[in-house]
Amino acid sequence: MKLIDSEKRFLLPQGHTLFNNCHASSITTLPGGELLTAFFAGLREGERDVGIWLSRTENGIWQMPVRLLAEDGLACWNPVLHGAGDKVWLFYKVGASVHTWVTRWTVSSDLGRNWALPLALVPGDTLPRGPVRNKLIVLSNGEWIAPGSLETEAVWDCFVDISADLGRSWSKYDVPIDHRQHDTVANVDPWEGLAANALWETDVKRVFKWDGVIQPSLWESAPGRVHMLMRSTRGFIYRSDSSDYGRSWCPAYATALPNNNSGIDVVRLDDGGLVLAYNPVAGNWGRRYPISLGFSSDNGANWTKILDLETEEGEFSYPAIIADASRLHLTYTWNRKNIVYQQLPLA
């Protein structure tokens, strides 16, 4: 596969003063070929002034972002957009930290110009239900499946939430992982980058803080066959697979793809090919450059890096990627000061 590189566009003017810090964009298409993106921004991640901002294209030109949502005294995090016809759904997290955040959602019936009052996604549930960072997908049976994860002070774990009624109710299904399992890939120990944060218990290296997998990205390869790639603390992207529309999952296992414990996203093309946006860097809390695209023609068994989007030193992270019939649409964080958009025609 070949991609035609295109000029990156910043959503905000360089040197803007709208906010100090921004991160974690999401993007969706609108009817007529327009686009909508969301991200969180404020003083810095986790501060009480951080809200959800939106930007849209009009006649293909990105408009100045506007602040849509804020929660008095609590930070907002990780917006996720989902568009279908004239409707757009927006999911986001609210909380003092990733350990205590919960999920809100709101819907727009006019292409994201006006929004309903935000509500708890699953009333009464203190877990961060629904999509944690990456887009939900619509399965071949019409159900929505949202990639979720938990970030406790001890371990990180992934799950999916499934809705058969356009997001009004959800059922949660866990993804198993053995936190004592030390997979090896190509004779490299995925736990190597964790040595400084690990201790030994009965001859087993066990990480005692922030270990595991989070922020999955999903695709369906055939009816009912759903797959996910996950960010991990173990130096590699992890994977799990389901053959029953996401109700049960095999234990998460390491792939050969490097991961720096930062966000990834994958999209399935109409011909079955997969495009992955990621930092091709191994090691727990590794550097967040370069940011690149990889391609797989065999359902993720093998990958080839096809394009570097940013190669200079900096933070280029948390990509969001979607596709239409002829183009990829990609956004990512640019040094926490801006959001970059790139349109990549499929050659």
Protein backbone atom coordinates (compact mmCIF):
# COMPACT_ATOMS: atom_id res chain seq x y z
CA MET A 1 0.00 0.00 0.00
CA LYS A 2 1.14 3.54 -0.76
CA LEU A 3 -0.06 6.76 0.82
CA ILE A 4 0.28 10.17 -0.73
CA ASP A 5 1.71 12.42 1.98
CA SER A 6 -0.14 15.68 2.41
CA GLU A 7 0.55 18.95 4.14
CA LYS A 8 -0.40 18.97 7.78
CA ARG A 9 -2.87 21.58 8.96
CA PHE A 10 -2.96 23.05 12.46
CA LEU A 11 -6.38 23.52 13.99
CA LEU A 12 -5.18 26.67 15.76
CA PRO A 13 -2.81 29.45 14.72
CA GLN A 14 0.72 28.94 15.99
CA GLY A 15 1.23 31.05 19.11
CA HIS A 16 -2.48 31.18 19.97
CA THR A 17 -3.55 32.09 23.51
CA LEU A 18 -6.88 30.26 23.74
CA PHE A 19 -5.37 27.77 26.20
CA ASN A 20 -2.01 26.53 27.39
CA ASN A 21 -2.32 22.82 26.74
CA CYS A 22 -4.38 20.49 24.52
CA HIS A 23 -4.50 16.75 23.90
CA ALA A 24 -6.47 13.62 22.93
CA SER A 25 -8.34 14.51 19.75
CA SER A 26 -11.16 12.57 18.12
CA ILE A 27 -12.50 12.98 14.59
CA THR A 28 -15.64 12.02 12.68
CA THR A 29 -17.07 12.69 9.23
CA LEU A 30 -20.24 14.68 8.61
CA PRO A 31 -22.61 14.55 5.63
CA GLY A 32 -21.32 16.42 2.62
CA GLY A 33 -17.69 15.62 3.36
CA GLU A 34 -17.24 17.99 6.29
CA LEU A 35 -15.35 16.97 9.45
CA LEU A 36 -15.73 17.49 13.19
CA THR A 37 -13.01 17.06 15.78
CA ALA A 38 -12.94 17.30 19.57
CA PHE A 39 -10.13 17.48 22.12
CA PHE A 40 -9.55 18.56 25.71
CA ALA A 41 -7.73 21.77 26.57
CA GLY A 42 -6.91 24.08 29.47
CA LEU A 43 -3.98 24.97 31.69
CA ARG A 44 -2.66 21.43 31.60
CA GLU A 45 -3.99 17.86 31.67
CA GLY A 46 -5.96 17.15 34.84
CA GLU A 47 -6.40 20.78 35.90
CA ARG A 48 -9.86 21.88 36.94
CA ASP A 49 -10.23 24.34 34.07
CA VAL A 50 -9.79 21.68 31.35
CA GLY A 51 -12.83 21.42 29.08
CA ILE A 52 -13.90 19.84 25.80
CA TRP A 53 -13.33 21.89 22.65
CA LEU A 54 -14.75 21.39 19.15
CA SER A 55 -13.61 22.43 15.69
CA ARG A 56 -15.37 21.79 12.39
CA THR A 57 -14.70 22.31 8.71
CA GLU A 58 -16.83 24.54 6.56
CA ASN A 59 -16.21 24.18 2.82
CA GLY A 60 -13.16 22.16 3.78
CA ILE A 61 -11.61 24.87 5.99
CA TRP A 62 -11.11 24.29 9.72
CA GLN A 63 -12.94 26.84 11.85
CA MET A 64 -11.55 28.27 15.08
CA PRO A 65 -12.16 25.80 17.95
CA VAL A 66 -14.81 26.66 20.55
CA ARG A 67 -15.17 25.44 24.11
CA LEU A 68 -18.24 23.23 24.35
CA LEU A 69 -18.18 21.55 27.76
CA ALA A 70 -16.68 22.08 31.18
CA GLU A 71 -17.44 20.64 34.61
CA ASP A 72 -17.23 22.99 37.57
CA GLY A 73 -14.10 22.11 39.53
CA LEU A 74 -13.34 18.85 37.66
CA ALA A 75 -11.17 18.16 34.64
CA CYS A 76 -12.60 16.87 31.38
CA TRP A 77 -10.70 14.27 29.40
CA ASN A 78 -10.60 12.16 26.23
CA PRO A 79 -13.58 13.13 24.03
CA VAL A 80 -14.78 10.50 21.56
CA LEU A 81 -17.00 11.43 18.61
CA HIS A 82 -19.36 9.16 16.69
CA GLY A 83 -21.35 10.41 13.73
CA ALA A 84 -24.29 8.82 11.90
CA GLY A 85 -26.34 10.92 9.48
CA ASP A 86 -27.21 14.27 11.02
CA LYS A 87 -26.58 12.97 14.54
CA VAL A 88 -23.29 13.16 16.41
CA TRP A 89 -22.62 11.51 19.76
CA LEU A 90 -19.91 12.80 22.09
CA PHE A 91 -18.52 10.74 24.98
CA TYR A 92 -15.98 12.15 27.43
CA LYS A 93 -14.51 11.60 30.88
CA VAL A 94 -14.90 13.80 33.95
CA GLY A 95 -12.89 13.50 37.16
CA ALA A 96 -10.04 14.70 39.32
CA SER A 97 -7.80 11.92 37.95
CA VAL A 98 -7.79 8.93 35.62
CA HIS A 99 -8.32 6.73 38.69
CA THR A 100 -11.68 8.30 39.52
CA TRP A 101 -13.05 9.62 36.23
CA VAL A 102 -16.52 8.69 34.97
CA THR A 103 -18.16 8.94 31.57
CA ARG A 104 -20.61 11.55 30.32
CA TRP A 105 -22.31 11.63 26.94
CA THR A 106 -24.30 14.09 24.89
CA VAL A 107 -25.86 14.04 21.43
CA SER A 108 -26.40 16.60 18.69
CA SER A 109 -29.11 16.32 16.05
CA ASP A 110 -27.80 19.14 13.85
CA LEU A 111 -24.28 18.07 12.91
CA GLY A 112 -22.71 19.17 16.16
CA ARG A 113 -23.93 22.74 16.29
CA ASN A 114 -26.22 22.29 19.30
CA TRP A 115 -26.00 19.65 22.01
CA ALA A 116 -28.28 18.04 24.57
CA LEU A 117 -27.58 18.29 28.29
CA PRO A 118 -24.76 15.86 29.17
CA LEU A 119 -25.76 12.75 31.12
CA ALA A 120 -23.98 9.90 32.88
CA LEU A 121 -23.39 7.13 30.36
CA VAL A 122 -24.37 4.38 32.81
CA PRO A 123 -26.23 6.03 35.71
CA GLY A 124 -25.04 4.86 39.12
CA ASP A 125 -21.92 3.11 37.80
CA THR A 126 -18.67 4.59 39.11
CA LEU A 127 -16.57 2.79 36.48
CA PRO A 128 -15.48 4.72 33.37
CA ARG A 129 -17.85 2.96 30.98
CA GLY A 130 -17.97 3.33 27.22
CA PRO A 131 -15.14 4.48 24.94
CA VAL A 132 -12.04 5.55 26.85
CA ARG A 133 -10.18 7.30 24.02
CA ASN A 134 -10.63 5.65 20.63
CA LYS A 135 -13.69 5.55 18.39
CA LEU A 136 -16.48 3.04 18.80
CA ILE A 137 -17.34 0.95 15.75
CA VAL A 138 -20.62 -0.36 14.39
CA LEU A 139 -20.56 -4.15 14.05
CA SER A 140 -22.04 -6.11 11.17
CA ASN A 141 -25.04 -7.00 13.36
CA GLY A 142 -25.75 -3.31 13.95
CA GLU A 143 -24.50 -3.18 17.54
CA TRP A 144 -22.15 -0.49 18.78
CA ILE A 145 -18.97 -1.70 20.45
CA ALA A 146 -16.89 0.79 22.44
CA PRO A 147 -13.25 0.20 23.49
CA GLY A 148 -12.87 0.87 27.22
CA SER A 149 -10.26 0.53 29.95
CA LEU A 150 -9.65 1.00 33.66
CA GLU A 151 -6.63 2.79 35.15
CA THR A 152 -6.44 2.00 38.85
CA GLU A 153 -3.42 2.76 40.99
CA ALA A 154 -2.49 -0.92 40.82
CA VAL A 155 -3.27 -2.28 37.35
CA TRP A 156 -4.58 -1.31 33.93
CA ASP A 157 -7.20 -3.47 32.22
CA CYS A 158 -9.26 -3.32 29.03
CA PHE A 159 -12.90 -4.10 28.33
CA VAL A 160 -15.56 -3.41 25.72
CA ASP A 161 -19.02 -1.96 26.15
CA ILE A 162 -21.72 -3.08 23.72
CA SER A 163 -24.97 -1.27 22.95
CA ALA A 164 -27.84 -2.56 20.83
CA ASP A 165 -29.96 0.60 21.21
CA LEU A 166 -27.79 3.43 19.87
CA GLY A 167 -26.04 4.08 23.14
CA ARG A 168 -28.98 4.20 25.53
CA SER A 169 -27.84 1.09 27.43
CA TRP A 170 -24.56 -0.81 27.61
CA SER A 171 -23.23 -4.25 28.58
CA LYS A 172 -19.60 -4.64 29.68
CA TYR A 173 -17.30 -7.52 28.70
CA ASP A 174 -13.76 -7.84 30.09
CA VAL A 175 -10.53 -8.63 28.25
CA PRO A 176 -8.36 -11.03 30.29
CA ILE A 177 -4.66 -10.40 30.88
CA ASP A 178 -2.25 -12.16 33.21
CA HIS A 179 -0.40 -9.43 35.07
CA ARG A 180 2.32 -11.95 35.98
CA GLN A 181 2.75 -13.17 32.42
CA HIS A 182 6.02 -12.12 30.83
CA ASP A 183 5.62 -12.62 27.09
CA THR A 184 8.63 -12.39 24.84
CA VAL A 185 8.63 -11.14 21.28
CA ALA A 186 11.65 -11.72 19.06
CA ASN A 187 13.72 -12.55 22.16
CA VAL A 188 12.96 -9.18 23.72
CA ASP A 189 11.44 -9.02 27.19
CA PRO A 190 8.41 -6.69 27.09
CA TRP A 191 8.97 -6.08 30.80
CA GLU A 192 12.48 -4.76 30.29
CA GLY A 193 11.30 -1.16 30.39
CA LEU A 194 9.54 -1.74 33.70
CA ALA A 195 12.56 -2.80 35.73
CA ALA A 196 12.78 0.46 37.64
CA ASN A 197 9.18 0.12 38.80
CA ALA A 198 9.17 -3.59 39.56
CA LEU A 199 9.94 -5.84 42.51
CA TRP A 200 10.49 -9.54 42.90
CA GLU A 201 7.94 -11.84 44.49
CA THR A 202 8.77 -15.54 44.66
CA ASP A 203 11.14 -15.23 41.71
CA VAL A 204 8.52 -13.46 39.59
CA LYS A 205 8.97 -9.88 38.55
CA ARG A 206 5.73 -8.08 39.30
CA VAL A 207 5.02 -4.43 38.62
CA PHE A 208 3.23 -2.90 41.56
CA LYS A 209 1.95 0.29 39.96
CA TRP A 210 0.30 1.12 36.64
CA ASP A 211 0.85 -2.15 34.82
CA GLY A 212 -1.16 -3.63 32.00
CA VAL A 213 -3.08 -2.51 28.93
CA ILE A 214 -5.38 0.43 28.21
CA GLN A 215 -7.00 2.42 25.39
CA PRO A 216 -7.84 -0.34 22.89
CA SER A 217 -8.66 0.26 19.24
CA LEU A 218 -11.09 -2.06 17.46
CA TRP A 219 -11.90 -3.54 14.07
CA GLU A 220 -14.16 -6.33 12.75
CA SER A 221 -12.58 -8.59 10.14
CA ALA A 222 -15.64 -10.77 9.43
CA PRO A 223 -19.13 -10.99 10.95
CA GLY A 224 -18.64 -11.51 14.69
CA ARG A 225 -14.84 -11.60 14.51
CA VAL A 226 -13.65 -8.54 16.40
CA HIS A 227 -10.08 -7.62 17.27
CA MET A 228 -8.31 -5.02 19.36
CA LEU A 229 -4.85 -3.54 19.66
CA MET A 230 -3.92 -2.05 23.03
CA ARG A 231 -1.45 0.39 24.49
CA SER A 232 0.69 -1.35 27.11
CA THR A 233 3.32 -0.76 29.79
CA ARG A 234 5.34 -3.67 28.44
CA GLY A 235 7.15 -2.21 25.44
CA PHE A 236 4.87 -3.69 22.78
CA ILE A 237 1.35 -3.26 21.47
CA TYR A 238 -0.89 -6.00 22.82
CA ARG A 239 -3.77 -7.74 21.02
CA SER A 240 -6.89 -9.72 21.82
CA ASP A 241 -9.48 -11.38 19.58
CA SER A 242 -13.16 -12.31 19.80
CA SER A 243 -15.27 -14.61 17.63
CA ASP A 244 -18.66 -13.80 19.20
CA TYR A 245 -19.22 -10.10 18.52
CA GLY A 246 -17.07 -9.04 21.47
CA ARG A 247 -18.75 -11.08 24.22
CA SER A 248 -15.64 -13.10 25.03
CA TRP A 249 -11.97 -12.38 24.37
CA CYS A 250 -8.78 -14.40 24.32
CA PRO A 251 -6.10 -13.42 26.86
CA ALA A 252 -4.23 -10.31 25.72
CA TYR A 253 -0.91 -11.14 24.08
CA ALA A 254 2.09 -9.15 22.88
CA THR A 255 2.55 -8.40 19.19
CA ALA A 256 5.82 -7.52 17.50
CA LEU A 257 4.77 -3.86 17.23
CA PRO A 258 6.71 -1.55 19.58
CA ASN A 259 4.80 0.65 21.99
CA ASN A 260 6.01 3.50 24.19
CA ASN A 261 3.03 3.32 26.56
CA SER A 262 1.20 5.95 24.52
CA GLY A 263 -2.00 6.00 22.51
CA ILE A 264 -2.53 4.20 19.20
CA ASP A 265 -5.43 3.93 16.76
CA VAL A 266 -6.27 1.55 13.91
CA VAL A 267 -8.78 1.68 11.08
CA ARG A 268 -9.95 -1.05 8.69
CA LEU A 269 -10.20 -0.08 5.04
CA ASP A 270 -12.91 -1.25 2.64
CA ASP A 271 -10.53 -3.79 1.08
CA GLY A 272 -9.71 -5.32 4.48
CA GLY A 273 -6.34 -3.64 4.93
CA LEU A 274 -5.49 -2.10 8.29
CA VAL A 275 -3.78 1.24 8.91
CA LEU A 276 -2.26 1.82 12.34
CA ALA A 277 -1.25 5.22 13.72
CA TYR A 278 1.37 4.90 16.47
CA ASN A 279 4.75 5.89 17.85
CA PRO A 280 7.13 3.10 16.69
CA VAL A 281 9.10 3.31 19.94
CA ALA A 282 9.53 0.56 22.54
CA GLY A 283 9.79 0.99 26.29
CA ASN A 284 7.56 2.02 29.15
CA TRP A 285 6.93 5.80 29.01
CA GLY A 286 9.18 6.03 25.96
CA ARG A 287 9.57 9.17 23.86
CA ARG A 288 6.59 10.26 21.75
CA TYR A 289 8.37 10.77 18.42
CA PRO A 290 8.34 9.88 15.64
CA ILE A 291 4.65 9.36 14.91
CA SER A 292 4.03 7.03 12.00
CA LEU A 293 1.58 4.91 10.04
CA GLY A 294 1.83 1.14 9.59
CA PHE A 295 -0.08 -1.13 7.21
CA SER A 296 -1.20 -4.75 7.38
CA SER A 297 -2.80 -6.75 4.58
CA ASP A 298 -3.27 -9.93 6.66
CA ASN A 299 -5.56 -8.82 9.49
CA GLY A 300 -2.73 -7.57 11.66
CA ALA A 301 -0.47 -10.62 11.57
CA ASN A 302 2.33 -8.63 9.91
CA TRP A 303 2.92 -4.91 9.66
CA THR A 304 5.00 -2.58 7.49
CA LYS A 305 5.74 1.03 8.41
CA ILE A 306 4.63 3.09 5.42
CA LEU A 307 4.92 6.73 6.47
CA ASP A 308 6.53 8.91 9.15
CA LEU A 309 4.30 11.89 9.92
CA GLU A 310 6.68 13.64 12.33
CA THR A 311 10.32 12.77 12.89
CA GLU A 312 11.81 15.70 14.80
CA GLU A 313 12.13 15.72 18.57
CA GLY A 314 8.92 16.61 20.38
CA GLU A 315 5.64 15.14 21.55
CA PHE A 316 3.50 13.85 18.70
CA SER A 317 0.97 11.52 20.20
CA TYR A 318 -2.56 10.22 20.67
CA PRO A 319 -3.49 9.81 17.00
CA ALA A 320 -7.10 9.38 15.89
CA ILE A 321 -7.66 7.85 12.45
CA ILE A 322 -10.76 7.22 10.34
CA ALA A 323 -11.28 6.42 6.65
CA ASP A 324 -13.78 7.00 3.89
CA ALA A 325 -13.75 5.38 0.47
CA SER A 326 -10.73 7.26 -0.84
CA ARG A 327 -9.03 9.03 2.08
CA LEU A 328 -7.65 8.66 5.55
CA HIS A 329 -8.40 11.42 8.05
CA LEU A 330 -5.95 11.73 10.92
CA THR A 331 -5.51 14.02 13.91
CA TYR A 332 -2.85 13.98 16.62
CA THR A 333 -1.40 16.04 19.45
CA TRP A 334 1.40 18.44 18.46
CA ASN A 335 3.60 19.25 21.47
CA ARG A 336 0.50 19.75 23.65
CA LYS A 337 0.08 23.18 22.01
CA ASN A 338 -1.96 22.31 18.93
CA ILE A 339 -3.85 19.58 17.11
CA VAL A 340 -2.69 18.54 13.65
CA TYR A 341 -5.02 17.31 10.92
CA GLN A 342 -3.83 15.40 7.87
CA GLN A 343 -5.84 14.09 4.95
CA LEU A 344 -4.11 11.22 3.18
CA PRO A 345 -5.52 10.08 -0.19
CA LEU A 346 -5.40 6.33 -0.64
CA ALA A 347 -3.30 5.53 -3.70
